[in-house]
């Protein structure tokens, strides 16, 4: 019975997302996955650090159905290939990555530092 409960709880969490380069795990701001929702208050870990013009990519463990990205509150146009999105680094600040999946949605947050080229 305990194993079943553990498996059900693991299945009810949102998929992880990572910023590259550096394989930086993005924090989860809020989410719904299946019939379970949450809004953990978690500080973002270390920032994704790149040089201006470098391609930033974020990979998801599950293929998203739609993605919206903003950096410092400004929408960013992204390219999507399978379960990965990418864009050229032009601005720095807080990132919000709002993703819809077949089973629910996740709002990821992170920090982006852009160094001069």
PDB file of N, CA and C in Angstrom:
ATOM      1  N   UNK A   1       0.826  -1.195   0.000  1.00  0.00           N
ATOM      2  CA  UNK A   1       0.000   0.000   0.000  1.00  0.00           C
ATOM      3  C   UNK A   1       0.868   1.257   0.000  1.00  0.00           C
ATOM      4  N   UNK A   2       1.932   1.266   0.814  1.00  0.00           N
ATOM      5  CA  UNK A   2       2.820   2.423   0.898  1.00  0.00           C
ATOM      6  C   UNK A   2       3.492   2.699  -0.445  1.00  0.00           C
ATOM      7  N   UNK A   3       3.855   1.643  -1.152  1.00  0.00           N
ATOM      8  CA  UNK A   3       4.482   1.791  -2.473  1.00  0.00           C
ATOM      9  C   UNK A   3       3.499   2.437  -3.444  1.00  0.00           C
ATOM     10  N   UNK A   4       2.253   2.035  -3.413  1.00  0.00           N
ATOM     11  CA  UNK A   4       1.227   2.604  -4.284  1.00  0.00           C
ATOM     12  C   UNK A   4       1.050   4.090  -4.019  1.00  0.00           C
ATOM     13  N   UNK A   5       1.001   4.488  -2.762  1.00  0.00           N
ATOM     14  CA  UNK A   5       0.871   5.905  -2.404  1.00  0.00           C
ATOM     15  C   UNK A   5       2.073   6.688  -2.920  1.00  0.00           C
ATOM     16  N   UNK A   6       3.270   6.161  -2.762  1.00  0.00           N
ATOM     17  CA  UNK A   6       4.484   6.836  -3.249  1.00  0.00           C
ATOM     18  C   UNK A   6       4.448   6.994  -4.759  1.00  0.00           C
ATOM     19  N   UNK A   7       4.010   5.975  -5.466  1.00  0.00           N
ATOM     20  CA  UNK A   7       3.914   6.061  -6.932  1.00  0.00           C
ATOM     21  C   UNK A   7       2.879   7.093  -7.368  1.00  0.00           C
ATOM     22  N   UNK A   8       1.759   7.141  -6.695  1.00  0.00           N
ATOM     23  CA  UNK A   8       0.720   8.121  -7.032  1.00  0.00           C
ATOM     24  C   UNK A   8       1.201   9.542  -6.788  1.00  0.00           C
ATOM     25  N   UNK A   9       1.908   9.770  -5.695  1.00  0.00           N
ATOM     26  CA  UNK A   9       2.433  11.107  -5.412  1.00  0.00           C
ATOM     27  C   UNK A   9       3.485  11.510  -6.435  1.00  0.00           C
ATOM     28  N   UNK A  10       4.329  10.590  -6.850  1.00  0.00           N
ATOM     29  CA  UNK A  10       5.356  10.889  -7.846  1.00  0.00           C
ATOM     30  C   UNK A  10       4.718  11.225  -9.184  1.00  0.00           C
ATOM     31  N   UNK A  11       3.621  10.558  -9.539  1.00  0.00           N
ATOM     32  CA  UNK A  11       2.945  10.805 -10.808  1.00  0.00           C
ATOM     33  C   UNK A  11       2.205  12.140 -10.804  1.00  0.00           C
ATOM     34  N   UNK A  12       1.972  12.716  -9.630  1.00  0.00           N
ATOM     35  CA  UNK A  12       1.192  13.940  -9.520  1.00  0.00           C
ATOM     36  C   UNK A  12       2.056  15.193  -9.477  1.00  0.00           C
ATOM     37  N   UNK A  13       3.349  15.079  -9.772  1.00  0.00           N
ATOM     38  CA  UNK A  13       4.206  16.262  -9.741  1.00  0.00           C
ATOM     39  C   UNK A  13       4.489  16.737 -11.155  1.00  0.00           C
ATOM     40  N   UNK A  14       4.757  18.023 -11.323  1.00  0.00           N
ATOM     41  CA  UNK A  14       5.039  18.532 -12.669  1.00  0.00           C
ATOM     42  C   UNK A  14       6.422  18.093 -13.135  1.00  0.00           C
ATOM     43  N   UNK A  15       6.614  18.035 -14.452  1.00  0.00           N
ATOM     44  CA  UNK A  15       7.922  17.639 -14.966  1.00  0.00           C
ATOM     45  C   UNK A  15       8.965  18.726 -14.732  1.00  0.00           C
ATOM     46  N   UNK A  16      10.196  18.329 -14.595  1.00  0.00           N
ATOM     47  CA  UNK A  16      11.302  19.265 -14.399  1.00  0.00           C
ATOM     48  C   UNK A  16      11.649  19.952 -15.721  1.00  0.00           C
ATOM     49  N   UNK A  17      12.254  21.142 -15.626  1.00  0.00           N
ATOM     50  CA  UNK A  17      12.740  21.880 -16.796  1.00  0.00           C
ATOM     51  C   UNK A  17      14.128  22.422 -16.461  1.00  0.00           C
ATOM     52  N   UNK A  18      15.010  22.430 -17.461  1.00  0.00           N
ATOM     53  CA  UNK A  18      16.398  22.844 -17.255  1.00  0.00           C
ATOM     54  C   UNK A  18      16.798  23.883 -18.294  1.00  0.00           C
ATOM     55  N   UNK A  19      17.499  24.935 -17.846  1.00  0.00           N
ATOM     56  CA  UNK A  19      18.053  25.942 -18.739  1.00  0.00           C
ATOM     57  C   UNK A  19      19.467  25.571 -19.120  1.00  0.00           C
ATOM     58  N   UNK A  20      19.826  25.792 -20.373  1.00  0.00           N
ATOM     59  CA  UNK A  20      21.170  25.499 -20.855  1.00  0.00           C
ATOM     60  C   UNK A  20      21.771  26.757 -21.454  1.00  0.00           C
ATOM     61  N   UNK A  21      23.056  26.975 -21.357  1.00  0.00           N
ATOM     62  CA  UNK A  21      24.057  26.062 -20.831  1.00  0.00           C
ATOM     63  C   UNK A  21      24.062  26.041 -19.306  1.00  0.00           C
ATOM     64  N   UNK A  22      24.658  25.027 -18.758  1.00  0.00           N
ATOM     65  CA  UNK A  22      24.810  24.909 -17.311  1.00  0.00           C
ATOM     66  C   UNK A  22      23.873  23.928 -16.652  1.00  0.00           C
ATOM     67  N   UNK A  23      22.887  23.398 -17.391  1.00  0.00           N
ATOM     68  CA  UNK A  23      21.906  22.458 -16.861  1.00  0.00           C
ATOM     69  C   UNK A  23      21.333  22.962 -15.537  1.00  0.00           C
ATOM     70  N   UNK A  24      20.749  24.166 -15.574  1.00  0.00           N
ATOM     71  CA  UNK A  24      20.189  24.832 -14.397  1.00  0.00           C
ATOM     72  C   UNK A  24      18.713  24.475 -14.278  1.00  0.00           C
ATOM     73  N   UNK A  25      18.366  23.838 -13.184  1.00  0.00           N
ATOM     74  CA  UNK A  25      16.962  23.472 -12.979  1.00  0.00           C
ATOM     75  C   UNK A  25      16.152  24.725 -12.673  1.00  0.00           C
ATOM     76  N   UNK A  26      15.030  24.907 -13.386  1.00  0.00           N
ATOM     77  CA  UNK A  26      14.149  26.052 -13.144  1.00  0.00           C
ATOM     78  C   UNK A  26      13.223  25.729 -11.981  1.00  0.00           C
ATOM     79  N   UNK A  27      12.946  26.740 -11.173  1.00  0.00           N
ATOM     80  CA  UNK A  27      12.026  26.573 -10.052  1.00  0.00           C
ATOM     81  C   UNK A  27      10.592  26.548 -10.584  1.00  0.00           C
ATOM     82  N   UNK A  28       9.714  25.910  -9.865  1.00  0.00           N
ATOM     83  CA  UNK A  28       8.299  25.848 -10.230  1.00  0.00           C
ATOM     84  C   UNK A  28       7.550  26.854  -9.385  1.00  0.00           C
ATOM     85  N   UNK A  29       6.817  27.736 -10.046  1.00  0.00           N
ATOM     86  CA  UNK A  29       6.055  28.756  -9.347  1.00  0.00           C
ATOM     87  C   UNK A  29       4.652  28.249  -8.999  1.00  0.00           C
ATOM     88  N   UNK A  30       3.977  27.668  -9.976  1.00  0.00           N
ATOM     89  CA  UNK A  30       2.652  27.092  -9.743  1.00  0.00           C
ATOM     90  C   UNK A  30       2.415  26.023 -10.803  1.00  0.00           C
ATOM     91  N   UNK A  31       1.491  25.110 -10.524  1.00  0.00           N
ATOM     92  CA  UNK A  31       1.263  24.033 -11.454  1.00  0.00           C
ATOM     93  C   UNK A  31      -0.029  23.292 -11.170  1.00  0.00           C
ATOM     94  N   UNK A  32      -0.541  22.641 -12.191  1.00  0.00           N
ATOM     95  CA  UNK A  32      -1.596  21.639 -12.080  1.00  0.00           C
ATOM     96  C   UNK A  32      -1.177  20.499 -12.982  1.00  0.00           C
ATOM     97  N   UNK A  33      -1.228  19.296 -12.459  1.00  0.00           N
ATOM     98  CA  UNK A  33      -0.835  18.120 -13.217  1.00  0.00           C
ATOM     99  C   UNK A  33      -1.853  17.046 -12.912  1.00  0.00           C
ATOM    100  N   UNK A  34      -2.624  16.668 -13.909  1.00  0.00           N
ATOM    101  CA  UNK A  34      -3.732  15.746 -13.657  1.00  0.00           C
ATOM    102  C   UNK A  34      -4.758  16.448 -12.794  1.00  0.00           C
ATOM    103  N   UNK A  35      -5.089  15.861 -11.663  1.00  0.00           N
ATOM    104  CA  UNK A  35      -6.075  16.461 -10.760  1.00  0.00           C
ATOM    105  C   UNK A  35      -5.439  17.117  -9.547  1.00  0.00           C
ATOM    106  N   UNK A  36      -4.103  17.223  -9.531  1.00  0.00           N
ATOM    107  CA  UNK A  36      -3.399  17.789  -8.386  1.00  0.00           C
ATOM    108  C   UNK A  36      -2.776  19.124  -8.768  1.00  0.00           C
ATOM    109  N   UNK A  37      -2.912  20.137  -7.911  1.00  0.00           N
ATOM    110  CA  UNK A  37      -2.337  21.453  -8.164  1.00  0.00           C
ATOM    111  C   UNK A  37      -1.490  21.883  -6.970  1.00  0.00           C
ATOM    112  N   UNK A  38      -0.581  22.798  -7.234  1.00  0.00           N
ATOM    113  CA  UNK A  38       0.249  23.312  -6.160  1.00  0.00           C
ATOM    114  C   UNK A  38       0.825  24.669  -6.526  1.00  0.00           C
ATOM    115  N   UNK A  39       1.248  25.409  -5.535  1.00  0.00           N
ATOM    116  CA  UNK A  39       1.897  26.704  -5.732  1.00  0.00           C
ATOM    117  C   UNK A  39       3.022  26.830  -4.708  1.00  0.00           C
ATOM    118  N   UNK A  40       4.083  26.058  -4.912  1.00  0.00           N
ATOM    119  CA  UNK A  40       5.181  26.112  -3.941  1.00  0.00           C
ATOM    120  C   UNK A  40       5.885  27.457  -3.970  1.00  0.00           C
ATOM    121  N   UNK A  41       6.269  27.912  -2.828  1.00  0.00           N
ATOM    122  CA  UNK A  41       7.038  29.149  -2.735  1.00  0.00           C
ATOM    123  C   UNK A  41       8.491  28.707  -2.647  1.00  0.00           C
ATOM    124  N   UNK A  42       9.191  28.768  -3.774  1.00  0.00           N
ATOM    125  CA  UNK A  42      10.583  28.320  -3.799  1.00  0.00           C
ATOM    126  C   UNK A  42      11.431  29.366  -4.509  1.00  0.00           C
ATOM    127  N   UNK A  43      12.545  29.698  -3.906  1.00  0.00           N
ATOM    128  CA  UNK A  43      13.457  30.644  -4.550  1.00  0.00           C
ATOM    129  C   UNK A  43      14.134  29.955  -5.723  1.00  0.00           C
ATOM    130  N   UNK A  44      14.359  30.707  -6.760  1.00  0.00           N
ATOM    131  CA  UNK A  44      15.065  30.172  -7.909  1.00  0.00           C
ATOM    132  C   UNK A  44      16.501  29.898  -7.493  1.00  0.00           C
ATOM    133  N   UNK A  45      17.067  28.856  -8.025  1.00  0.00           N
ATOM    134  CA  UNK A  45      18.454  28.510  -7.727  1.00  0.00           C
ATOM    135  C   UNK A  45      19.398  29.454  -8.444  1.00  0.00           C
ATOM    136  N   UNK A  46      20.525  28.930  -8.853  1.00  0.00           N
ATOM    137  CA  UNK A  46      21.505  29.778  -9.526  1.00  0.00           C
ATOM    138  C   UNK A  46      20.974  30.218 -10.891  1.00  0.00           C
ATOM    139  N   UNK A  47      21.490  31.342 -11.404  1.00  0.00           N
ATOM    140  CA  UNK A  47      20.991  31.843 -12.688  1.00  0.00           C
ATOM    141  C   UNK A  47      21.604  31.085 -13.865  1.00  0.00           C
ATOM    142  N   UNK A  48      20.936  31.180 -15.009  1.00  0.00           N
ATOM    143  CA  UNK A  48      21.513  30.732 -16.273  1.00  0.00           C
ATOM    144  C   UNK A  48      22.382  31.901 -16.737  1.00  0.00           C
ATOM    145  N   UNK A  49      23.679  31.660 -16.949  1.00  0.00           N
ATOM    146  CA  UNK A  49      24.616  32.723 -17.324  1.00  0.00           C
ATOM    147  C   UNK A  49      25.103  32.472 -18.747  1.00  0.00           C
ATOM    148  N   UNK A  50      24.937  33.476 -19.619  1.00  0.00           N
ATOM    149  CA  UNK A  50      25.350  33.354 -21.022  1.00  0.00           C
ATOM    150  C   UNK A  50      25.934  34.671 -21.510  1.00  0.00           C
ATOM    151  N   UNK A  51      26.591  34.621 -22.648  1.00  0.00           N
ATOM    152  CA  UNK A  51      27.049  35.837 -23.322  1.00  0.00           C
ATOM    153  C   UNK A  51      25.943  36.298 -24.255  1.00  0.00           C
ATOM    154  N   UNK A  52      25.876  37.605 -24.474  1.00  0.00           N
ATOM    155  CA  UNK A  52      24.863  38.178 -25.361  1.00  0.00           C
ATOM    156  C   UNK A  52      24.919  37.471 -26.720  1.00  0.00           C
ATOM    157  N   UNK A  53      23.753  37.078 -27.223  1.00  0.00           N
ATOM    158  CA  UNK A  53      23.656  36.407 -28.511  1.00  0.00           C
ATOM    159  C   UNK A  53      23.735  34.897 -28.450  1.00  0.00           C
ATOM    160  N   UNK A  54      24.172  34.356 -27.305  1.00  0.00           N
ATOM    161  CA  UNK A  54      24.234  32.903 -27.141  1.00  0.00           C
ATOM    162  C   UNK A  54      22.825  32.334 -27.117  1.00  0.00           C
ATOM    163  N   UNK A  55      22.651  31.164 -27.669  1.00  0.00           N
ATOM    164  CA  UNK A  55      21.337  30.524 -27.658  1.00  0.00           C
ATOM    165  C   UNK A  55      21.074  29.914 -26.290  1.00  0.00           C
ATOM    166  N   UNK A  56      19.942  30.266 -25.736  1.00  0.00           N
ATOM    167  CA  UNK A  56      19.467  29.700 -24.473  1.00  0.00           C
ATOM    168  C   UNK A  56      18.470  28.618 -24.847  1.00  0.00           C
ATOM    169  N   UNK A  57      18.547  27.482 -24.184  1.00  0.00           N
ATOM    170  CA  UNK A  57      17.551  26.447 -24.444  1.00  0.00           C
ATOM    171  C   UNK A  57      17.020  25.921 -23.119  1.00  0.00           C
ATOM    172  N   UNK A  58      15.772  25.516 -23.157  1.00  0.00           N
ATOM    173  CA  UNK A  58      15.128  24.902 -22.003  1.00  0.00           C
ATOM    174  C   UNK A  58      14.510  23.603 -22.480  1.00  0.00           C
ATOM    175  N   UNK A  59      14.894  22.529 -21.807  1.00  0.00           N
ATOM    176  CA  UNK A  59      14.356  21.217 -22.137  1.00  0.00           C
ATOM    177  C   UNK A  59      13.351  20.781 -21.090  1.00  0.00           C
ATOM    178  N   UNK A  60      12.286  20.196 -21.532  1.00  0.00           N
ATOM    179  CA  UNK A  60      11.233  19.700 -20.643  1.00  0.00           C
ATOM    180  C   UNK A  60      11.231  18.175 -20.690  1.00  0.00           C
ATOM    181  N   UNK A  61      10.858  17.546 -19.612  1.00  0.00           N
ATOM    182  CA  UNK A  61      10.805  16.093 -19.543  1.00  0.00           C
ATOM    183  C   UNK A  61       9.637  15.536 -20.356  1.00  0.00           C
ATOM    184  N   UNK A  62       8.661  16.392 -20.675  1.00  0.00           N
ATOM    185  CA  UNK A  62       7.479  16.007 -21.434  1.00  0.00           C
ATOM    186  C   UNK A  62       7.302  17.047 -22.539  1.00  0.00           C
ATOM    187  N   UNK A  63       6.850  16.633 -23.716  1.00  0.00           N
ATOM    188  CA  UNK A  63       6.648  17.563 -24.827  1.00  0.00           C
ATOM    189  C   UNK A  63       5.481  18.506 -24.500  1.00  0.00           C
ATOM    190  N   UNK A  64       5.720  19.834 -24.534  1.00  0.00           N
ATOM    191  CA  UNK A  64       4.648  20.783 -24.230  1.00  0.00           C
ATOM    192  C   UNK A  64       3.696  20.959 -25.417  1.00  0.00           C
ATOM    193  N   UNK A  65       2.475  21.390 -25.111  1.00  0.00           N
ATOM    194  CA  UNK A  65       1.528  21.730 -26.180  1.00  0.00           C
ATOM    195  C   UNK A  65       1.614  23.209 -26.519  1.00  0.00           C
ATOM    196  N   UNK A  66       2.008  24.052 -25.544  1.00  0.00           N
ATOM    197  CA  UNK A  66       2.248  25.474 -25.813  1.00  0.00           C
ATOM    198  C   UNK A  66       3.207  26.031 -24.773  1.00  0.00           C
ATOM    199  N   UNK A  67       3.942  27.083 -25.189  1.00  0.00           N
ATOM    200  CA  UNK A  67       4.940  27.690 -24.311  1.00  0.00           C
ATOM    201  C   UNK A  67       4.911  29.206 -24.511  1.00  0.00           C
ATOM    202  N   UNK A  68       4.956  29.954 -23.397  1.00  0.00           N
ATOM    203  CA  UNK A  68       5.124  31.410 -23.421  1.00  0.00           C
ATOM    204  C   UNK A  68       6.277  31.748 -22.501  1.00  0.00           C
ATOM    205  N   UNK A  69       7.201  32.591 -23.000  1.00  0.00           N
ATOM    206  CA  UNK A  69       8.375  32.971 -22.221  1.00  0.00           C
ATOM    207  C   UNK A  69       8.438  34.486 -22.134  1.00  0.00           C
ATOM    208  N   UNK A  70       8.805  34.992 -20.953  1.00  0.00           N
ATOM    209  CA  UNK A  70       9.058  36.419 -20.771  1.00  0.00           C
ATOM    210  C   UNK A  70      10.339  36.559 -19.957  1.00  0.00           C
ATOM    211  N   UNK A  71      11.143  37.557 -20.324  1.00  0.00           N
ATOM    212  CA  UNK A  71      12.341  37.889 -19.564  1.00  0.00           C
ATOM    213  C   UNK A  71      12.204  39.343 -19.153  1.00  0.00           C
ATOM    214  N   UNK A  72      12.318  39.615 -17.874  1.00  0.00           N
ATOM    215  CA  UNK A  72      12.086  40.958 -17.315  1.00  0.00           C
ATOM    216  C   UNK A  72      10.717  41.490 -17.728  1.00  0.00           C
ATOM    217  N   UNK A  73       9.750  40.608 -17.813  1.00  0.00           N
ATOM    218  CA  UNK A  73       8.375  40.990 -18.126  1.00  0.00           C
ATOM    219  C   UNK A  73       8.081  41.155 -19.602  1.00  0.00           C
ATOM    220  N   UNK A  74       9.088  41.113 -20.473  1.00  0.00           N
ATOM    221  CA  UNK A  74       8.880  41.283 -21.918  1.00  0.00           C
ATOM    222  C   UNK A  74       8.776  39.912 -22.591  1.00  0.00           C
ATOM    223  N   UNK A  75       7.738  39.720 -23.410  1.00  0.00           N
ATOM    224  CA  UNK A  75       7.596  38.440 -24.114  1.00  0.00           C
ATOM    225  C   UNK A  75       8.790  38.173 -25.032  1.00  0.00           C
ATOM    226  N   UNK A  76       9.186  36.920 -25.126  1.00  0.00           N
ATOM    227  CA  UNK A  76      10.306  36.489 -25.951  1.00  0.00           C
ATOM    228  C   UNK A  76       9.783  35.492 -26.982  1.00  0.00           C
ATOM    229  N   UNK A  77      10.145  35.681 -28.246  1.00  0.00           N
ATOM    230  CA  UNK A  77       9.797  34.710 -29.283  1.00  0.00           C
ATOM    231  C   UNK A  77      10.761  33.534 -29.168  1.00  0.00           C
ATOM    232  N   UNK A  78      10.220  32.328 -29.123  1.00  0.00           N
ATOM    233  CA  UNK A  78      11.049  31.138 -28.970  1.00  0.00           C
ATOM    234  C   UNK A  78      10.849  30.199 -30.153  1.00  0.00           C
ATOM    235  N   UNK A  79      11.845  29.366 -30.372  1.00  0.00           N
ATOM    236  CA  UNK A  79      11.758  28.285 -31.347  1.00  0.00           C
ATOM    237  C   UNK A  79      11.519  27.007 -30.564  1.00  0.00           C
ATOM    238  N   UNK A  80      10.602  26.183 -31.037  1.00  0.00           N
ATOM    239  CA  UNK A  80      10.297  24.944 -30.321  1.00  0.00           C
ATOM    240  C   UNK A  80      10.568  23.748 -31.216  1.00  0.00           C
ATOM    241  N   UNK A  81      11.345  22.809 -30.686  1.00  0.00           N
ATOM    242  CA  UNK A  81      11.626  21.541 -31.374  1.00  0.00           C
ATOM    243  C   UNK A  81      11.397  20.420 -30.369  1.00  0.00           C
ATOM    244  N   UNK A  82      10.337  19.682 -30.549  1.00  0.00           N
ATOM    245  CA  UNK A  82      10.025  18.595 -29.619  1.00  0.00           C
ATOM    246  C   UNK A  82       9.822  19.117 -28.213  1.00  0.00           C
ATOM    247  N   UNK A  83      10.624  18.638 -27.285  1.00  0.00           N
ATOM    248  CA  UNK A  83      10.467  19.041 -25.886  1.00  0.00           C
ATOM    249  C   UNK A  83      11.456  20.137 -25.482  1.00  0.00           C
ATOM    250  N   UNK A  84      12.061  20.827 -26.461  1.00  0.00           N
ATOM    251  CA  UNK A  84      13.039  21.877 -26.176  1.00  0.00           C
ATOM    252  C   UNK A  84      12.633  23.185 -26.839  1.00  0.00           C
ATOM    253  N   UNK A  85      12.801  24.289 -26.098  1.00  0.00           N
ATOM    254  CA  UNK A  85      12.601  25.623 -26.667  1.00  0.00           C
ATOM    255  C   UNK A  85      13.940  26.351 -26.607  1.00  0.00           C
ATOM    256  N   UNK A  86      14.116  27.341 -27.491  1.00  0.00           N
ATOM    257  CA  UNK A  86      15.363  28.111 -27.477  1.00  0.00           C
ATOM    258  C   UNK A  86      15.124  29.507 -28.020  1.00  0.00           C
ATOM    259  N   UNK A  87      16.058  30.429 -27.671  1.00  0.00           N
ATOM    260  CA  UNK A  87      16.043  31.794 -28.174  1.00  0.00           C
ATOM    261  C   UNK A  87      17.412  32.410 -27.953  1.00  0.00           C
ATOM    262  N   UNK A  88      17.758  33.454 -28.747  1.00  0.00           N
ATOM    263  CA  UNK A  88      19.049  34.130 -28.542  1.00  0.00           C
ATOM    264  C   UNK A  88      18.969  35.090 -27.355  1.00  0.00           C
ATOM    265  N   UNK A  89      20.010  35.090 -26.519  1.00  0.00           N
ATOM    266  CA  UNK A  89      20.043  35.937 -25.320  1.00  0.00           C
ATOM    267  C   UNK A  89      20.267  37.390 -25.715  1.00  0.00           C
ATOM    268  N   UNK A  90      19.300  38.244 -25.374  1.00  0.00           N
ATOM    269  CA  UNK A  90      19.429  39.676 -25.643  1.00  0.00           C
ATOM    270  C   UNK A  90      19.212  40.509 -24.385  1.00  0.00           C
ATOM    271  N   UNK A  91      18.405  40.014 -23.480  1.00  0.00           N
ATOM    272  CA  UNK A  91      18.108  40.753 -22.247  1.00  0.00           C
ATOM    273  C   UNK A  91      18.294  39.856 -21.047  1.00  0.00           C
ATOM    274  N   UNK A  92      18.470  40.476 -19.895  1.00  0.00           N
ATOM    275  CA  UNK A  92      18.645  39.700 -18.669  1.00  0.00           C
ATOM    276  C   UNK A  92      17.563  40.057 -17.669  1.00  0.00           C
ATOM    277  N   UNK A  93      17.396  39.203 -16.677  1.00  0.00           N
ATOM    278  CA  UNK A  93      16.407  39.438 -15.632  1.00  0.00           C
ATOM    279  C   UNK A  93      15.684  38.159 -15.276  1.00  0.00           C
ATOM    280  N   UNK A  94      14.552  38.319 -14.626  1.00  0.00           N
ATOM    281  CA  UNK A  94      13.747  37.169 -14.235  1.00  0.00           C
ATOM    282  C   UNK A  94      13.074  36.555 -15.445  1.00  0.00           C
ATOM    283  N   UNK A  95      13.078  35.227 -15.505  1.00  0.00           N
ATOM    284  CA  UNK A  95      12.401  34.497 -16.582  1.00  0.00           C
ATOM    285  C   UNK A  95      11.128  33.866 -16.044  1.00  0.00           C
ATOM    286  N   UNK A  96      10.071  33.982 -16.800  1.00  0.00           N
ATOM    287  CA  UNK A  96       8.873  33.202 -16.522  1.00  0.00           C
ATOM    288  C   UNK A  96       8.598  32.362 -17.760  1.00  0.00           C
ATOM    289  N   UNK A  97       8.408  31.089 -17.546  1.00  0.00           N
ATOM    290  CA  UNK A  97       8.174  30.153 -18.638  1.00  0.00           C
ATOM    291  C   UNK A  97       6.864  29.432 -18.332  1.00  0.00           C
ATOM    292  N   UNK A  98       5.808  29.842 -19.018  1.00  0.00           N
ATOM    293  CA  UNK A  98       4.483  29.261 -18.801  1.00  0.00           C
ATOM    294  C   UNK A  98       4.247  28.195 -19.861  1.00  0.00           C
ATOM    295  N   UNK A  99       4.046  26.970 -19.396  1.00  0.00           N
ATOM    296  CA  UNK A  99       3.975  25.830 -20.301  1.00  0.00           C
ATOM    297  C   UNK A  99       2.690  25.048 -20.070  1.00  0.00           C
ATOM    298  N   UNK A 100       2.040  24.695 -21.173  1.00  0.00           N
ATOM    299  CA  UNK A 100       0.887  23.792 -21.097  1.00  0.00           C
ATOM    300  C   UNK A 100       1.322  22.444 -21.646  1.00  0.00           C
ATOM    301  N   UNK A 101       0.917  21.407 -20.927  1.00  0.00           N
ATOM    302  CA  UNK A 101       1.158  20.036 -21.329  1.00  0.00           C
ATOM    303  C   UNK A 101      -0.196  19.350 -21.498  1.00  0.00           C
ATOM    304  N   UNK A 102      -0.193  18.175 -22.047  1.00  0.00           N
ATOM    305  CA  UNK A 102      -1.448  17.441 -22.230  1.00  0.00           C
ATOM    306  C   UNK A 102      -2.146  17.200 -20.896  1.00  0.00           C
ATOM    307  N   UNK A 103      -1.385  16.992 -19.824  1.00  0.00           N
ATOM    308  CA  UNK A 103      -1.976  16.692 -18.518  1.00  0.00           C
ATOM    309  C   UNK A 103      -2.136  17.906 -17.617  1.00  0.00           C
ATOM    310  N   UNK A 104      -1.682  19.089 -18.025  1.00  0.00           N
ATOM    311  CA  UNK A 104      -1.799  20.249 -17.145  1.00  0.00           C
ATOM    312  C   UNK A 104      -0.868  21.364 -17.558  1.00  0.00           C
ATOM    313  N   UNK A 105      -0.568  22.257 -16.610  1.00  0.00           N
ATOM    314  CA  UNK A 105       0.311  23.387 -16.891  1.00  0.00           C
ATOM    315  C   UNK A 105       1.335  23.532 -15.781  1.00  0.00           C
ATOM    316  N   UNK A 106       2.437  24.229 -16.116  1.00  0.00           N
ATOM    317  CA  UNK A 106       3.451  24.552 -15.119  1.00  0.00           C
ATOM    318  C   UNK A 106       3.963  25.948 -15.418  1.00  0.00           C
ATOM    319  N   UNK A 107       4.122  26.766 -14.377  1.00  0.00           N
ATOM    320  CA  UNK A 107       4.758  28.077 -14.497  1.00  0.00           C
ATOM    321  C   UNK A 107       6.139  27.959 -13.863  1.00  0.00           C
ATOM    322  N   UNK A 108       7.181  27.983 -14.696  1.00  0.00           N
ATOM    323  CA  UNK A 108       8.559  27.891 -14.219  1.00  0.00           C
ATOM    324  C   UNK A 108       9.123  29.304 -14.075  1.00  0.00           C
ATOM    325  N   UNK A 109      10.037  29.478 -13.160  1.00  0.00           N
ATOM    326  CA  UNK A 109      10.725  30.763 -12.999  1.00  0.00           C
ATOM    327  C   UNK A 109      12.222  30.517 -12.871  1.00  0.00           C
ATOM    328  N   UNK A 110      12.987  31.497 -13.270  1.00  0.00           N
ATOM    329  CA  UNK A 110      14.434  31.407 -13.165  1.00  0.00           C
ATOM    330  C   UNK A 110      15.033  32.782 -13.394  1.00  0.00           C
ATOM    331  N   UNK A 111      16.346  32.867 -13.302  1.00  0.00           N
ATOM    332  CA  UNK A 111      17.045  34.133 -13.542  1.00  0.00           C
ATOM    333  C   UNK A 111      18.005  33.954 -14.699  1.00  0.00           C
ATOM    334  N   UNK A 112      18.123  34.995 -15.518  1.00  0.00           N
ATOM    335  CA  UNK A 112      18.995  34.972 -16.672  1.00  0.00           C
ATOM    336  C   UNK A 112      19.984  36.129 -16.572  1.00  0.00           C
ATOM    337  N   UNK A 113      21.269  35.819 -16.610  1.00  0.00           N
ATOM    338  CA  UNK A 113      22.320  36.827 -16.605  1.00  0.00           C
ATOM    339  C   UNK A 113      22.972  36.810 -17.977  1.00  0.00           C
ATOM    340  N   UNK A 114      22.988  37.972 -18.644  1.00  0.00           N
ATOM    341  CA  UNK A 114      23.584  38.082 -19.972  1.00  0.00           C
ATOM    342  C   UNK A 114      24.821  38.964 -19.869  1.00  0.00           C
ATOM    343  N   UNK A 115      25.972  38.389 -20.184  1.00  0.00           N
ATOM    344  CA  UNK A 115      27.243  39.124 -20.149  1.00  0.00           C
ATOM    345  C   UNK A 115      27.504  39.713 -21.528  1.00  0.00           C
ATOM    346  N   UNK A 116      28.256  40.808 -21.595  1.00  0.00           N
ATOM    347  CA  UNK A 116      28.588  41.391 -22.905  1.00  0.00           C
ATOM    348  C   UNK A 116      29.286  40.363 -23.792  1.00  0.00           C
ATOM    349  N   UNK A 117      28.979  40.434 -25.098  1.00  0.00           N
ATOM    350  CA  UNK A 117      29.550  39.489 -26.068  1.00  0.00           C
ATOM    351  C   UNK A 117      31.000  39.600 -26.175  1.00  0.00           C
TER     352      UNK A 117
END
